[in-house]
Amino acid sequence: MIARAMASLALVAALGGCASSFSFDYNHLPKGYHWRTVIDEKTGQLQYYGRDPVTGWTVYVGPDSTFYTYNHPGGLRPQDLGSRWTPHDI
């Protein structure tokens, strides 16, 4: 009984850290990812790149507030668009 209660509390605590993830968008980025702003040379638009502190992968968020993650140097490539990522605070 106590073990089940402890497991439930652990689950609530874990989910609590991600509960705010539904409010993240292009203008409200999750904390802890060391976001940097890059200007796209072709379009002149701002792009945001961060680093996932757990995996070390690069995180990109577009103006449509869709988040992507990938593990290679450089910017987002067309083949990375299938790697959607769900943002969360750390």
Protein backbone atom coordinates (compact mmCIF):
# COMPACT_ATOMS: atom_id res chain seq x y z
CA MET A 1 0.00 0.00 0.00
CA ILE A 2 2.77 2.45 0.94
CA ALA A 3 4.77 1.46 -2.14
CA ARG A 4 1.75 2.13 -4.36
CA ALA A 5 1.23 5.55 -2.75
CA MET A 6 4.91 6.41 -3.22
CA ALA A 7 4.74 5.34 -6.88
CA SER A 8 1.66 7.52 -7.39
CA LEU A 9 3.39 10.52 -5.82
CA ALA A 10 6.45 9.97 -8.01
CA LEU A 11 4.24 9.84 -11.11
CA VAL A 12 2.42 13.04 -10.14
CA ALA A 13 5.73 14.80 -9.50
CA ALA A 14 7.13 13.66 -12.85
CA LEU A 15 4.04 14.73 -14.75
CA GLY A 16 3.89 18.00 -12.87
CA GLY A 17 7.17 19.07 -14.46
CA CYS A 18 5.68 18.47 -17.89
CA ALA A 19 2.21 19.84 -17.19
CA SER A 20 3.16 23.26 -18.47
CA SER A 21 4.47 21.82 -21.75
CA PHE A 22 1.11 22.54 -23.40
CA SER A 23 1.77 26.29 -23.15
CA PHE A 24 5.10 26.34 -24.99
CA ASP A 25 5.25 28.04 -28.34
CA TYR A 26 7.58 30.13 -30.48
CA ASN A 27 7.32 33.05 -28.05
CA HIS A 28 7.32 30.99 -24.82
CA LEU A 29 10.22 28.55 -24.97
CA PRO A 30 10.89 25.97 -22.26
CA LYS A 31 13.55 26.87 -19.71
CA GLY A 32 16.93 25.18 -19.43
CA TYR A 33 17.75 24.68 -23.12
CA HIS A 34 20.15 27.61 -23.65
CA TRP A 35 18.15 28.92 -26.61
CA ARG A 36 20.02 30.92 -29.24
CA THR A 37 18.56 33.09 -31.96
CA VAL A 38 19.76 32.61 -35.53
CA ILE A 39 18.70 34.70 -38.51
CA ASP A 40 17.94 32.60 -41.59
CA GLU A 41 20.14 34.04 -44.33
CA LYS A 42 17.63 33.13 -47.05
CA THR A 43 14.47 34.52 -45.46
CA GLY A 44 15.74 36.95 -42.82
CA GLN A 45 13.45 35.29 -40.25
CA LEU A 46 14.46 34.46 -36.70
CA GLN A 47 15.02 30.83 -35.80
CA TYR A 48 15.49 29.39 -32.31
CA TYR A 49 17.84 26.55 -31.51
CA GLY A 50 18.46 25.00 -28.11
CA ARG A 51 20.19 21.99 -26.59
CA ASP A 52 18.23 19.25 -24.84
CA PRO A 53 20.11 18.89 -21.52
CA VAL A 54 19.09 15.22 -21.19
CA THR A 55 19.99 13.90 -24.65
CA GLY A 56 22.37 16.61 -25.86
CA TRP A 57 20.44 16.78 -29.13
CA THR A 58 19.70 20.07 -30.84
CA VAL A 59 16.15 21.38 -30.54
CA TYR A 60 14.61 23.67 -33.15
CA VAL A 61 11.33 25.55 -32.96
CA GLY A 62 9.79 27.15 -36.01
CA PRO A 63 7.50 30.16 -36.30
CA ASP A 64 4.57 27.72 -36.42
CA SER A 65 5.52 26.69 -32.84
CA THR A 66 6.35 23.14 -33.92
CA PHE A 67 9.38 21.74 -32.09
CA TYR A 68 11.90 19.33 -33.67
CA THR A 69 14.99 17.57 -32.35
CA TYR A 70 17.98 16.10 -34.18
CA ASN A 71 21.51 14.90 -33.51
CA HIS A 72 23.85 16.34 -36.16
CA PRO A 73 25.84 19.55 -36.56
CA GLY A 74 24.34 22.53 -38.35
CA GLY A 75 20.79 23.60 -38.82
CA LEU A 76 17.54 21.78 -39.35
CA ARG A 77 17.45 19.67 -42.54
CA PRO A 78 14.31 18.62 -44.46
CA GLN A 79 14.73 15.01 -43.31
CA ASP A 80 14.59 16.21 -39.66
CA LEU A 81 11.00 17.39 -40.04
CA GLY A 82 9.78 13.94 -39.03
CA SER A 83 11.49 14.24 -35.64
CA ARG A 84 8.88 16.24 -33.77
CA TRP A 85 9.68 16.93 -30.13
CA THR A 86 7.43 17.69 -27.18
CA PRO A 87 8.87 20.59 -25.17
CA HIS A 88 9.11 20.53 -21.38
CA ASP A 89 10.91 22.51 -18.70
CA ILE A 90 13.84 20.88 -16.96
